[in-house]
Every structure is written in C-alpha cells, then in structure tokens.
Amino acid sequence: MKKITIYSDGACSGNPGPGGYGVILKFNEIEKELSGGFRNTTNNRMEIMGAIVGLEALKEPCEVTVVTDSQYLVNAIEKGWARKWRSKGWMRNNKERA
C-alpha cells in the first residue's frame, strides 16, 4: 500500500473573515500542491478543509499521515469529534454547524 504524507494548513484574516488552506501531498519524491479559500470563513474551518481536500485528492486506498499545526484538527480526528459531527448532520452539541 502506498504511504502518503499530507501537509495541511489553514488561516483566516479575522475570525470569521476571508481565509484559505494549503495542502501538499507527498509520495516518495512526488509532490502535489492544492489550495483554496472562502470569503467568509473561520480558521478552524480552513484547517479542516485542508485535510479534507487532501484526503479527497487520493485516488486509491493509501496509508496516510496528516501533518498539521492545528490542535483543533488533531482533536477532531483523535477524539472522535468529526465522527460525532457527521452522525449529527455536521452539527455540534450546541446546535451550531461544525
């Protein structure tokens, strides 16, 4: 199975405000760069969008390592927040959109 590393980062000017994400997918010495942005977003949304876009770019099952500086993204994965949000229609416990 291929081993892919996804480097992901997101940022926002104001919170909410305009923001974007950047992603690098690396397989051996091959790299692919992806990026995008939104006019009205949050930094946490951009952190998560970067990882999502990176994962969606994979064309086959791979062993994936995600590298991020976002504790929010780490918690969403490791503490199961994302799984809970998905099961609740992408809503958090306080009824706000995740």
C-alpha atoms as a PDB file:
ATOM      1  CA  MET A   1       0.000   0.000   0.000  1.00  0.00           C
ATOM      2  CA  LYS A   2       1.282   3.473  -0.868  1.00  0.00           C
ATOM      3  CA  LYS A   3       2.374   5.694   2.028  1.00  0.00           C
ATOM      4  CA  ILE A   4       1.258   9.291   1.543  1.00  0.00           C
ATOM      5  CA  THR A   5       2.004  12.297   3.735  1.00  0.00           C
ATOM      6  CA  ILE A   6      -0.472  15.173   3.677  1.00  0.00           C
ATOM      7  CA  TYR A   7       0.841  18.520   4.944  1.00  0.00           C
ATOM      8  CA  SER A   8      -2.104  20.796   5.653  1.00  0.00           C
ATOM      9  CA  ASP A   9      -2.523  24.336   6.957  1.00  0.00           C
ATOM     10  CA  GLY A  10      -5.333  26.848   7.121  1.00  0.00           C
ATOM     11  CA  ALA A  11      -5.630  30.507   8.068  1.00  0.00           C
ATOM     12  CA  CYS A  12      -8.148  33.299   8.298  1.00  0.00           C
ATOM     13  CA  SER A  13      -7.883  37.106   8.404  1.00  0.00           C
ATOM     14  CA  GLY A  14     -10.383  37.901  11.105  1.00  0.00           C
ATOM     15  CA  ASN A  15     -12.482  35.148  12.566  1.00  0.00           C
ATOM     16  CA  PRO A  16     -14.776  34.993  10.693  1.00  0.00           C
ATOM     17  CA  GLY A  17     -13.305  36.619   7.621  1.00  0.00           C
ATOM     18  CA  PRO A  18     -11.549  35.736   4.383  1.00  0.00           C
ATOM     19  CA  GLY A  19      -9.407  32.631   4.685  1.00  0.00           C
ATOM     20  CA  GLY A  20      -7.752  29.800   2.867  1.00  0.00           C
ATOM     21  CA  TYR A  21      -5.964  26.493   3.087  1.00  0.00           C
ATOM     22  CA  GLY A  22      -2.887  24.967   1.512  1.00  0.00           C
ATOM     23  CA  VAL A  23      -2.086  21.280   1.148  1.00  0.00           C
ATOM     24  CA  ILE A  24       0.912  19.313  -0.059  1.00  0.00           C
ATOM     25  CA  LEU A  25       0.511  15.609  -0.813  1.00  0.00           C
ATOM     26  CA  LYS A  26       3.832  13.779  -0.860  1.00  0.00           C
ATOM     27  CA  PHE A  27       4.508  10.284  -2.196  1.00  0.00           C
ATOM     28  CA  ASN A  28       8.220   9.444  -2.255  1.00  0.00           C
ATOM     29  CA  GLU A  29       9.684  12.425  -4.172  1.00  0.00           C
ATOM     30  CA  ILE A  30       6.429  13.354  -5.928  1.00  0.00           C
ATOM     31  CA  GLU A  31       4.531  16.356  -4.541  1.00  0.00           C
ATOM     32  CA  LYS A  32       1.140  17.800  -5.432  1.00  0.00           C
ATOM     33  CA  GLU A  33       0.008  21.208  -4.144  1.00  0.00           C
ATOM     34  CA  LEU A  34      -3.626  22.153  -3.588  1.00  0.00           C
ATOM     35  CA  SER A  35      -5.169  25.336  -2.215  1.00  0.00           C
ATOM     36  CA  GLY A  36      -8.442  27.164  -1.944  1.00  0.00           C
ATOM     37  CA  GLY A  37     -10.264  29.806   0.008  1.00  0.00           C
ATOM     38  CA  PHE A  38     -13.529  31.372   1.067  1.00  0.00           C
ATOM     39  CA  ARG A  39     -14.637  34.976   1.532  1.00  0.00           C
ATOM     40  CA  ASN A  40     -16.306  34.400   4.890  1.00  0.00           C
ATOM     41  CA  THR A  41     -14.956  31.532   6.983  1.00  0.00           C
ATOM     42  CA  THR A  42     -13.092  30.644  10.180  1.00  0.00           C
ATOM     43  CA  ASN A  43      -9.558  29.479  10.843  1.00  0.00           C
ATOM     44  CA  ASN A  44     -10.776  26.115  12.169  1.00  0.00           C
ATOM     45  CA  ARG A  45     -12.879  25.530   9.066  1.00  0.00           C
ATOM     46  CA  MET A  46      -9.842  26.205   6.870  1.00  0.00           C
ATOM     47  CA  GLU A  47      -7.672  23.847   8.938  1.00  0.00           C
ATOM     48  CA  ILE A  48     -10.226  21.057   8.482  1.00  0.00           C
ATOM     49  CA  MET A  49     -10.897  21.881   4.809  1.00  0.00           C
ATOM     50  CA  GLY A  50      -7.204  21.493   4.033  1.00  0.00           C
ATOM     51  CA  ALA A  51      -7.170  17.959   5.403  1.00  0.00           C
ATOM     52  CA  ILE A  52     -10.458  17.078   3.684  1.00  0.00           C
ATOM     53  CA  VAL A  53      -9.257  18.341   0.295  1.00  0.00           C
ATOM     54  CA  GLY A  54      -6.015  16.405   0.716  1.00  0.00           C
ATOM     55  CA  LEU A  55      -7.840  13.187   1.545  1.00  0.00           C
ATOM     56  CA  GLU A  56     -10.345  13.677  -1.287  1.00  0.00           C
ATOM     57  CA  ALA A  57      -7.456  14.011  -3.765  1.00  0.00           C
ATOM     58  CA  LEU A  58      -6.337  10.429  -3.117  1.00  0.00           C
ATOM     59  CA  LYS A  59      -7.258   8.136  -5.984  1.00  0.00           C
ATOM     60  CA  GLU A  60      -6.846   4.814  -4.165  1.00  0.00           C
ATOM     61  CA  PRO A  61      -6.606   3.473  -0.605  1.00  0.00           C
ATOM     62  CA  CYS A  62      -3.324   4.582   0.989  1.00  0.00           C
ATOM     63  CA  GLU A  63      -1.609   4.641   4.347  1.00  0.00           C
ATOM     64  CA  VAL A  64      -1.904   8.331   5.225  1.00  0.00           C
ATOM     65  CA  THR A  65      -0.084  10.559   7.689  1.00  0.00           C
ATOM     66  CA  VAL A  66      -1.563  14.038   8.160  1.00  0.00           C
ATOM     67  CA  VAL A  67       0.856  16.730   9.351  1.00  0.00           C
ATOM     68  CA  THR A  68      -0.787  19.839  10.822  1.00  0.00           C
ATOM     69  CA  ASP A  69      -0.161  22.580  13.372  1.00  0.00           C
ATOM     70  CA  SER A  70      -3.860  22.642  14.289  1.00  0.00           C
ATOM     71  CA  GLN A  71      -4.783  21.143  17.641  1.00  0.00           C
ATOM     72  CA  TYR A  72      -8.422  21.561  16.578  1.00  0.00           C
ATOM     73  CA  LEU A  73      -7.889  19.239  13.602  1.00  0.00           C
ATOM     74  CA  VAL A  74      -5.947  16.750  15.731  1.00  0.00           C
ATOM     75  CA  ASN A  75      -8.757  16.675  18.304  1.00  0.00           C
ATOM     76  CA  ALA A  76     -11.421  16.335  15.599  1.00  0.00           C
ATOM     77  CA  ILE A  77      -9.692  13.154  14.446  1.00  0.00           C
ATOM     78  CA  GLU A  78      -8.213  11.653  17.616  1.00  0.00           C
ATOM     79  CA  LYS A  79     -11.086  12.455  19.989  1.00  0.00           C
ATOM     80  CA  GLY A  80     -13.761  11.423  17.501  1.00  0.00           C
ATOM     81  CA  TRP A  81     -15.322  14.875  17.158  1.00  0.00           C
ATOM     82  CA  ALA A  82     -15.595  14.552  13.367  1.00  0.00           C
ATOM     83  CA  ARG A  83     -17.380  11.213  13.669  1.00  0.00           C
ATOM     84  CA  LYS A  84     -19.894  12.751  16.107  1.00  0.00           C
ATOM     85  CA  TRP A  85     -20.429  15.818  13.915  1.00  0.00           C
ATOM     86  CA  ARG A  86     -21.086  13.612  10.897  1.00  0.00           C
ATOM     87  CA  SER A  87     -23.602  11.467  12.804  1.00  0.00           C
ATOM     88  CA  LYS A  88     -25.453  14.664  13.825  1.00  0.00           C
ATOM     89  CA  GLY A  89     -25.592  16.134  10.318  1.00  0.00           C
ATOM     90  CA  TRP A  90     -22.377  18.158  10.874  1.00  0.00           C
ATOM     91  CA  MET A  91     -23.805  19.891  13.953  1.00  0.00           C
ATOM     92  CA  ARG A  92     -22.012  20.317  17.277  1.00  0.00           C
ATOM     93  CA  ASN A  93     -23.604  19.704  20.684  1.00  0.00           C
ATOM     94  CA  ASN A  94     -24.593  23.387  20.961  1.00  0.00           C
ATOM     95  CA  LYS A  95     -26.582  23.067  17.688  1.00  0.00           C
ATOM     96  CA  GLU A  96     -24.047  25.155  15.731  1.00  0.00           C
ATOM     97  CA  ARG A  97     -22.666  23.913  12.417  1.00  0.00           C
ATOM     98  CA  ALA A  98     -19.425  22.003  12.803  1.00  0.00           C
END
